[in-house]
C-alpha atoms as a PDB file:
ATOM      1  CA  MET A   1      72.707  43.151 184.392  1.00  0.00           C
ATOM      2  CA  ALA A   2      75.177  44.114 187.142  1.00  0.00           C
ATOM      3  CA  ALA A   3      77.873  44.949 184.588  1.00  0.00           C
ATOM      4  CA  ASP A   4      75.632  47.622 183.057  1.00  0.00           C
ATOM      5  CA  THR A   5      74.908  49.313 186.391  1.00  0.00           C
ATOM      6  CA  PRO A   6      77.781  51.890 186.339  1.00  0.00           C
ATOM      7  CA  GLU A   7      76.861  52.910 182.794  1.00  0.00           C
ATOM      8  CA  LYS A   8      73.167  53.249 183.639  1.00  0.00           C
ATOM      9  CA  LEU A   9      74.023  55.349 186.700  1.00  0.00           C
ATOM     10  CA  ALA A  10      76.205  57.589 184.530  1.00  0.00           C
ATOM     11  CA  GLU A  11      73.292  58.091 182.107  1.00  0.00           C
ATOM     12  CA  LEU A  12      70.964  58.869 185.020  1.00  0.00           C
ATOM     13  CA  LEU A  13      73.346  61.484 186.423  1.00  0.00           C
ATOM     14  CA  SER A  14      73.779  63.123 183.010  1.00  0.00           C
ATOM     15  CA  ALA A  15      70.006  63.175 182.456  1.00  0.00           C
ATOM     16  CA  ALA A  16      69.431  64.723 185.894  1.00  0.00           C
ATOM     17  CA  ALA A  17      72.080  67.394 185.283  1.00  0.00           C
ATOM     18  CA  ASP A  18      70.551  68.188 181.882  1.00  0.00           C
ATOM     19  CA  TYR A  19      67.071  68.476 183.417  1.00  0.00           C
ATOM     20  CA  GLU A  20      68.344  70.771 186.183  1.00  0.00           C
ATOM     21  CA  SER A  21      70.064  73.070 183.665  1.00  0.00           C
ATOM     22  CA  ARG A  22      66.913  73.415 181.525  1.00  0.00           C
ATOM     23  CA  GLU A  23      64.274  73.965 184.216  1.00  0.00           C
ATOM     24  CA  GLU A  24      63.751  77.230 186.067  1.00  0.00           C
ATOM     25  CA  GLU A  25      62.465  75.387 189.163  1.00  0.00           C
ATOM     26  CA  PRO A  26      63.835  71.821 188.998  1.00  0.00           C
ATOM     27  CA  SER A  27      62.485  69.202 191.394  1.00  0.00           C
ATOM     28  CA  LEU A  28      62.764  65.473 191.898  1.00  0.00           C
ATOM     29  CA  ALA A  29      59.080  64.995 191.063  1.00  0.00           C
ATOM     30  CA  GLY A  30      59.492  66.994 187.864  1.00  0.00           C
ATOM     31  CA  PHE A  31      62.501  64.948 186.802  1.00  0.00           C
ATOM     32  CA  LEU A  32      60.658  61.663 187.421  1.00  0.00           C
ATOM     33  CA  ASP A  33      57.617  62.909 185.479  1.00  0.00           C
ATOM     34  CA  ARG A  34      59.834  63.854 182.546  1.00  0.00           C
ATOM     35  CA  ALA A  35      61.612  60.477 182.618  1.00  0.00           C
ATOM     36  CA  ALA A  36      58.259  58.665 182.629  1.00  0.00           C
ATOM     37  CA  LEU A  37      57.057  60.757 179.685  1.00  0.00           C
ATOM     38  CA  LEU A  38      60.179  59.928 177.679  1.00  0.00           C
ATOM     39  CA  SER A  39      59.737  56.239 178.430  1.00  0.00           C
ATOM     40  CA  GLU A  40      56.250  56.341 176.927  1.00  0.00           C
ATOM     41  CA  THR A  41      57.627  57.639 173.620  1.00  0.00           C
ATOM     42  CA  ASP A  42      59.857  54.579 173.315  1.00  0.00           C
ATOM     43  CA  ARG A  43      56.850  52.403 172.493  1.00  0.00           C
ATOM     44  CA  LEU A  44      56.697  51.930 168.719  1.00  0.00           C
ATOM     45  CA  ARG A  45      53.529  53.138 167.008  1.00  0.00           C
ATOM     46  CA  ASP A  46      52.544  53.312 163.369  1.00  0.00           C
ATOM     47  CA  ASP A  47      51.049  56.798 163.561  1.00  0.00           C
ATOM     48  CA  VAL A  48      54.122  58.747 164.724  1.00  0.00           C
ATOM     49  CA  PRO A  49      56.417  60.536 162.231  1.00  0.00           C
ATOM     50  CA  VAL A  50      59.643  59.800 164.153  1.00  0.00           C
ATOM     51  CA  LEU A  51      60.777  56.582 165.822  1.00  0.00           C
ATOM     52  CA  LEU A  52      63.603  56.584 168.346  1.00  0.00           C
ATOM     53  CA  MET A  53      65.390  53.276 168.866  1.00  0.00           C
ATOM     54  CA  THR A  54      68.737  51.637 169.453  1.00  0.00           C
ATOM     55  CA  MET A  55      70.713  50.060 166.630  1.00  0.00           C
ATOM     56  CA  HIS A  56      70.080  46.618 168.108  1.00  0.00           C
ATOM     57  CA  ALA A  57      66.323  47.232 167.979  1.00  0.00           C
ATOM     58  CA  ALA A  58      66.562  48.441 164.365  1.00  0.00           C
ATOM     59  CA  LYS A  59      67.873  45.126 163.004  1.00  0.00           C
ATOM     60  CA  GLY A  60      65.634  43.871 160.216  1.00  0.00           C
ATOM     61  CA  LEU A  61      63.826  47.210 159.802  1.00  0.00           C
ATOM     62  CA  GLU A  62      64.123  49.768 156.996  1.00  0.00           C
ATOM     63  CA  PHE A  63      63.166  53.448 156.783  1.00  0.00           C
ATOM     64  CA  GLU A  64      63.252  56.106 154.089  1.00  0.00           C
ATOM     65  CA  SER A  65      65.372  58.376 156.270  1.00  0.00           C
ATOM     66  CA  VAL A  66      67.666  57.375 159.125  1.00  0.00           C
ATOM     67  CA  PHE A  67      69.510  59.660 161.540  1.00  0.00           C
ATOM     68  CA  VAL A  68      72.426  58.066 163.384  1.00  0.00           C
ATOM     69  CA  VAL A  69      73.551  60.356 166.205  1.00  0.00           C
ATOM     70  CA  GLY A  70      76.400  60.127 168.682  1.00  0.00           C
ATOM     71  CA  LEU A  71      79.064  58.964 166.222  1.00  0.00           C
ATOM     72  CA  GLU A  72      81.871  59.777 168.619  1.00  0.00           C
ATOM     73  CA  GLU A  73      84.841  57.945 170.075  1.00  0.00           C
ATOM     74  CA  GLY A  74      83.692  56.447 173.351  1.00  0.00           C
ATOM     75  CA  LEU A  75      80.077  56.096 172.214  1.00  0.00           C
ATOM     76  CA  LEU A  76      80.396  54.386 168.821  1.00  0.00           C
ATOM     77  CA  PRO A  77      82.765  52.670 169.171  1.00  0.00           C
ATOM     78  CA  HIS A  78      82.077  52.320 172.885  1.00  0.00           C
ATOM     79  CA  SER A  79      84.935  53.136 175.246  1.00  0.00           C
ATOM     80  CA  ARG A  80      84.994  49.540 176.510  1.00  0.00           C
ATOM     81  CA  SER A  81      85.815  48.246 173.007  1.00  0.00           C
ATOM     82  CA  LEU A  82      88.756  50.513 172.198  1.00  0.00           C
ATOM     83  CA  ALA A  83      91.412  48.145 173.552  1.00  0.00           C
ATOM     84  CA  ASP A  84      89.835  44.937 172.182  1.00  0.00           C
ATOM     85  CA  GLU A  85      90.024  44.256 168.426  1.00  0.00           C
ATOM     86  CA  ALA A  86      87.160  41.733 168.503  1.00  0.00           C
ATOM     87  CA  ALA A  87      84.898  44.107 170.430  1.00  0.00           C
ATOM     88  CA  LEU A  88      85.868  46.970 168.113  1.00  0.00           C
ATOM     89  CA  GLU A  89      84.922  44.876 165.087  1.00  0.00           C
ATOM     90  CA  GLU A  90      81.550  44.120 166.687  1.00  0.00           C
ATOM     91  CA  GLU A  91      80.996  47.860 167.155  1.00  0.00           C
ATOM     92  CA  ARG A  92      81.864  48.355 163.468  1.00  0.00           C
ATOM     93  CA  ARG A  93      79.279  45.752 162.450  1.00  0.00           C
ATOM     94  CA  LEU A  94      76.687  47.411 164.661  1.00  0.00           C
ATOM     95  CA  CYS A  95      77.408  50.772 163.038  1.00  0.00           C
ATOM     96  CA  TYR A  96      76.977  49.127 159.620  1.00  0.00           C
ATOM     97  CA  VAL A  97      73.608  47.757 160.699  1.00  0.00           C
ATOM     98  CA  GLY A  98      72.451  51.230 161.692  1.00  0.00           C
ATOM     99  CA  MET A  99      73.618  52.826 158.449  1.00  0.00           C
ATOM    100  CA  THR A 100      72.030  50.200 156.214  1.00  0.00           C
ATOM    101  CA  ARG A 101      68.584  50.734 157.748  1.00  0.00           C
ATOM    102  CA  ALA A 102      68.269  53.774 155.435  1.00  0.00           C
ATOM    103  CA  MET A 103      66.589  53.195 152.067  1.00  0.00           C
ATOM    104  CA  GLU A 104      67.028  56.731 150.658  1.00  0.00           C
ATOM    105  CA  ARG A 105      68.686  59.175 153.073  1.00  0.00           C
ATOM    106  CA  LEU A 106      71.243  58.602 155.820  1.00  0.00           C
ATOM    107  CA  HIS A 107      72.259  61.397 158.195  1.00  0.00           C
ATOM    108  CA  LEU A 108      75.295  60.909 160.456  1.00  0.00           C
ATOM    109  CA  SER A 109      76.127  63.322 163.235  1.00  0.00           C
ATOM    110  CA  TRP A 110      78.264  63.825 166.316  1.00  0.00           C
ATOM    111  CA  ALA A 111      78.394  66.429 169.050  1.00  0.00           C
ATOM    112  CA  ARG A 112      81.365  68.723 169.534  1.00  0.00           C
ATOM    113  CA  SER A 113      80.905  68.311 173.297  1.00  0.00           C
ATOM    114  CA  ARG A 114      78.783  66.320 175.729  1.00  0.00           C
ATOM    115  CA  GLN A 115      77.711  66.598 179.331  1.00  0.00           C
ATOM    116  CA  VAL A 116      79.141  63.718 181.386  1.00  0.00           C
ATOM    117  CA  PHE A 117      78.440  63.548 185.122  1.00  0.00           C
ATOM    118  CA  GLY A 118      77.172  67.122 184.835  1.00  0.00           C
ATOM    119  CA  GLN A 119      80.445  68.366 183.268  1.00  0.00           C
ATOM    120  CA  ARG A 120      80.919  69.513 179.683  1.00  0.00           C
ATOM    121  CA  ARG A 121      83.537  67.464 177.769  1.00  0.00           C
ATOM    122  CA  THR A 122      84.859  67.825 174.219  1.00  0.00           C
ATOM    123  CA  THR A 123      84.507  64.843 171.886  1.00  0.00           C
ATOM    124  CA  GLU A 124      86.279  63.251 168.929  1.00  0.00           C
ATOM    125  CA  PRO A 125      84.321  62.109 165.812  1.00  0.00           C
ATOM    126  CA  SER A 126      84.082  58.331 165.461  1.00  0.00           C
ATOM    127  CA  ARG A 127      86.828  56.520 163.565  1.00  0.00           C
ATOM    128  CA  PHE A 128      84.065  54.796 161.592  1.00  0.00           C
ATOM    129  CA  LEU A 129      83.370  58.070 159.800  1.00  0.00           C
ATOM    130  CA  ASP A 130      86.881  57.882 158.355  1.00  0.00           C
ATOM    131  CA  GLU A 131      86.009  54.591 156.673  1.00  0.00           C
ATOM    132  CA  ILE A 132      83.237  56.073 154.525  1.00  0.00           C
ATOM    133  CA  PRO A 133      84.362  56.772 150.925  1.00  0.00           C
ATOM    134  CA  GLU A 134      84.742  60.509 150.359  1.00  0.00           C
ATOM    135  CA  GLU A 135      82.697  60.519 147.150  1.00  0.00           C
ATOM    136  CA  THR A 136      79.591  59.263 148.964  1.00  0.00           C
ATOM    137  CA  VAL A 137      79.533  62.004 151.608  1.00  0.00           C
ATOM    138  CA  GLU A 138      77.957  65.445 151.684  1.00  0.00           C
ATOM    139  CA  ARG A 139      79.429  67.407 154.583  1.00  0.00           C
ATOM    140  CA  SER A 140      77.771  70.186 156.549  1.00  0.00           C
ATOM    141  CA  GLY A 141      78.547  72.171 159.667  1.00  0.00           C
ATOM    142  CA  GLY A 142      81.773  73.723 158.422  1.00  0.00           C
ATOM    143  CA  LEU A 143      83.743  70.593 157.489  1.00  0.00           C
ATOM    144  CA  ARG A 144      86.430  71.141 154.853  1.00  0.00           C
ATOM    145  CA  PRO A 145      88.361  68.519 152.837  1.00  0.00           C
ATOM    146  CA  LEU A 146      91.621  67.429 154.459  1.00  0.00           C
ATOM    147  CA  PRO A 147      94.145  64.690 153.686  1.00  0.00           C
ATOM    148  CA  ALA A 148      93.052  61.316 155.080  1.00  0.00           C
ATOM    149  CA  ARG A 149      94.367  60.636 158.582  1.00  0.00           C
ATOM    150  CA  ARG A 150      93.594  56.938 158.926  1.00  0.00           C
ATOM    151  CA  GLY A 151      94.073  55.522 155.440  1.00  0.00           C
ATOM    152  CA  ALA A 152      92.729  55.898 151.927  1.00  0.00           C
ATOM    153  CA  GLY A 153      89.108  56.907 151.498  1.00  0.00           C
ATOM    154  CA  ALA A 154      88.919  58.457 154.949  1.00  0.00           C
ATOM    155  CA  LEU A 155      86.402  61.165 155.660  1.00  0.00           C
ATOM    156  CA  PRO A 156      88.186  64.555 155.951  1.00  0.00           C
ATOM    157  CA  ARG A 157      88.489  65.918 159.461  1.00  0.00           C
ATOM    158  CA  ARG A 158      88.460  69.493 160.722  1.00  0.00           C
ATOM    159  CA  PRO A 159      91.852  71.181 160.919  1.00  0.00           C
ATOM    160  CA  GLU A 160      93.127  72.022 164.364  1.00  0.00           C
ATOM    161  CA  SER A 161      92.745  75.749 163.600  1.00  0.00           C
ATOM    162  CA  ASP A 162      89.108  75.394 162.514  1.00  0.00           C
ATOM    163  CA  PRO A 163      86.887  77.396 164.914  1.00  0.00           C
ATOM    164  CA  LEU A 164      84.341  74.564 164.814  1.00  0.00           C
ATOM    165  CA  SER A 165      86.882  72.047 166.027  1.00  0.00           C
ATOM    166  CA  PRO A 166      86.724  71.410 169.793  1.00  0.00           C
ATOM    167  CA  SER A 167      89.824  72.496 171.639  1.00  0.00           C
ATOM    168  CA  PRO A 168      91.333  70.528 174.522  1.00  0.00           C
ATOM    169  CA  LEU A 169      90.013  71.306 177.976  1.00  0.00           C
ATOM    170  CA  PRO A 170      92.083  73.910 179.856  1.00  0.00           C
ATOM    171  CA  GLY A 171      94.740  72.191 181.932  1.00  0.00           C
ATOM    172  CA  ALA A 172      94.065  68.794 180.347  1.00  0.00           C
ATOM    173  CA  PRO A 173      96.859  66.351 181.233  1.00  0.00           C
ATOM    174  CA  SER A 174      99.313  65.190 178.574  1.00  0.00           C
ATOM    175  CA  GLY A 175     100.313  61.585 177.970  1.00  0.00           C
ATOM    176  CA  GLU A 176     103.502  62.099 179.978  1.00  0.00           C
ATOM    177  CA  ASP A 177     101.417  62.816 183.084  1.00  0.00           C
ATOM    178  CA  PHE A 178      99.985  59.282 183.111  1.00  0.00           C
ATOM    179  CA  ARG A 179     102.830  57.393 184.781  1.00  0.00           C
ATOM    180  CA  PRO A 180     102.468  54.139 186.756  1.00  0.00           C
ATOM    181  CA  GLY A 181     101.258  54.943 190.264  1.00  0.00           C
ATOM    182  CA  VAL A 182      99.441  58.138 189.253  1.00  0.00           C
ATOM    183  CA  ARG A 183      95.796  58.400 190.346  1.00  0.00           C
ATOM    184  CA  VAL A 184      93.282  59.340 187.654  1.00  0.00           C
ATOM    185  CA  ARG A 185      89.537  59.826 187.340  1.00  0.00           C
ATOM    186  CA  HIS A 186      87.485  58.200 184.557  1.00  0.00           C
ATOM    187  CA  PRO A 187      83.989  59.561 183.692  1.00  0.00           C
ATOM    188  CA  LEU A 188      82.439  56.088 184.062  1.00  0.00           C
ATOM    189  CA  PHE A 189      84.687  54.004 186.329  1.00  0.00           C
ATOM    190  CA  GLY A 190      85.643  56.717 188.823  1.00  0.00           C
ATOM    191  CA  VAL A 191      89.034  57.050 190.519  1.00  0.00           C
ATOM    192  CA  GLY A 192      91.756  54.515 189.749  1.00  0.00           C
ATOM    193  CA  THR A 193      95.524  54.018 189.675  1.00  0.00           C
ATOM    194  CA  VAL A 194      97.658  53.674 186.555  1.00  0.00           C
ATOM    195  CA  LEU A 195      99.407  50.280 186.583  1.00  0.00           C
ATOM    196  CA  ARG A 196     101.333  50.451 183.322  1.00  0.00           C
ATOM    197  CA  ARG A 197     101.529  52.255 179.990  1.00  0.00           C
ATOM    198  CA  GLU A 198     102.169  51.087 176.437  1.00  0.00           C
ATOM    199  CA  GLY A 199     103.028  53.140 173.355  1.00  0.00           C
ATOM    200  CA  ASP A 200     103.259  56.902 172.962  1.00  0.00           C
ATOM    201  CA  GLY A 201     101.331  59.825 171.550  1.00  0.00           C
ATOM    202  CA  ASP A 202      97.896  59.001 170.095  1.00  0.00           C
ATOM    203  CA  ALA A 203      98.685  55.271 170.464  1.00  0.00           C
ATOM    204  CA  LEU A 204      99.290  55.490 174.213  1.00  0.00           C
ATOM    205  CA  LYS A 205      97.392  52.791 176.119  1.00  0.00           C
ATOM    206  CA  LEU A 206      97.025  52.706 179.890  1.00  0.00           C
ATOM    207  CA  THR A 207      96.136  49.869 182.213  1.00  0.00           C
ATOM    208  CA  VAL A 208      94.235  51.389 185.136  1.00  0.00           C
ATOM    209  CA  SER A 209      92.958  49.613 188.255  1.00  0.00           C
ATOM    210  CA  PHE A 210      89.566  50.862 189.493  1.00  0.00           C
ATOM    211  CA  PRO A 211      88.294  49.759 192.940  1.00  0.00           C
ATOM    212  CA  GLY A 212      85.233  47.557 192.577  1.00  0.00           C
ATOM    213  CA  VAL A 213      85.637  47.414 188.795  1.00  0.00           C
ATOM    214  CA  GLY A 214      89.056  45.869 188.196  1.00  0.00           C
ATOM    215  CA  ALA A 215      91.822  46.634 185.708  1.00  0.00           C
ATOM    216  CA  LYS A 216      90.826  48.336 182.469  1.00  0.00           C
ATOM    217  CA  LYS A 217      93.007  48.875 179.408  1.00  0.00           C
ATOM    218  CA  LEU A 218      92.222  52.300 177.943  1.00  0.00           C
ATOM    219  CA  VAL A 219      93.384  54.343 174.970  1.00  0.00           C
ATOM    220  CA  ALA A 220      94.524  57.529 176.703  1.00  0.00           C
ATOM    221  CA  ARG A 221      93.468  59.782 173.826  1.00  0.00           C
ATOM    222  CA  TYR A 222      89.811  58.754 174.056  1.00  0.00           C
ATOM    223  CA  ALA A 223      89.422  57.726 177.701  1.00  0.00           C
ATOM    224  CA  GLY A 224      88.674  61.212 179.083  1.00  0.00           C
ATOM    225  CA  LEU A 225      90.994  60.694 182.036  1.00  0.00           C
ATOM    226  CA  GLU A 226      91.775  63.461 184.509  1.00  0.00           C
ATOM    227  CA  LEU A 227      94.527  63.556 187.088  1.00  0.00           C
ATOM    228  CA  HIS A 228      93.204  62.979 190.608  1.00  0.00           C
ATOM    229  CA  PRO A 229      94.904  64.405 193.699  1.00  0.00           C
ATOM    230  CA  ALA A 230      96.787  61.909 195.834  1.00  0.00           C
ATOM    231  CA  PRO A 231      94.937  60.915 199.042  1.00  0.00           C
ATOM    232  CA  ARG A 232      95.787  62.970 202.083  1.00  0.00           C
ATOM    233  CA  SER A 233      97.152  61.176 205.089  1.00  0.00           C
ATOM    234  CA  GLY A 234      94.331  59.726 207.138  1.00  0.00           C
ATOM    235  CA  GLY A 235      91.716  59.412 204.396  1.00  0.00           C
ATOM    236  CA  GLU A 236      90.641  59.344 200.773  1.00  0.00           C
ATOM    237  CA  THR A 237      90.086  62.520 198.756  1.00  0.00           C
END
């Protein structure tokens, strides 16, 4: 339970920021009312046209149409599994479970950007999409065929020049910026210090120590790290 607390707090902050951006006169009472209303819709009923559930809850169930959303690096697979082959394989199995709940139609989607801690961040489509045979996929949203990037049968990705492809955030740090001793900020774990680095380019992995969390091994490309100013003398920034 305690291990999930940072993630749940991150979801709460994102939900609050989303509520504030949508309402003309946001209030704490209004946010709590909206959260309570959403919780009520989570209860499964036979007379509703759409059921919203997690992949874990969907095990053993089947539906004519299934929509799997959030197929992005950091969500599926989860960011905590990217540096662990066993955990990554478990995420792959979970994705398979979600896909095979569909009896007739399966819709897979990802967002070009997401709001994390109230800030808009670009995203990368899940690597699991690359593992779907090309001949079984109907693309929409401006995707065009491209040579496979992660092996045979990979789902084509958007070219870098495609206007629908998310561009890096202005001033985003490069891999060379993440040297041992540099302070960084992670969207979930907060501020930490780089302990060591392995590999280069897209394969760059960083071991970062976060106070109260411990050392985490992260794939720099997908971790969403930002450089954090060094502490001023006499206190933390």
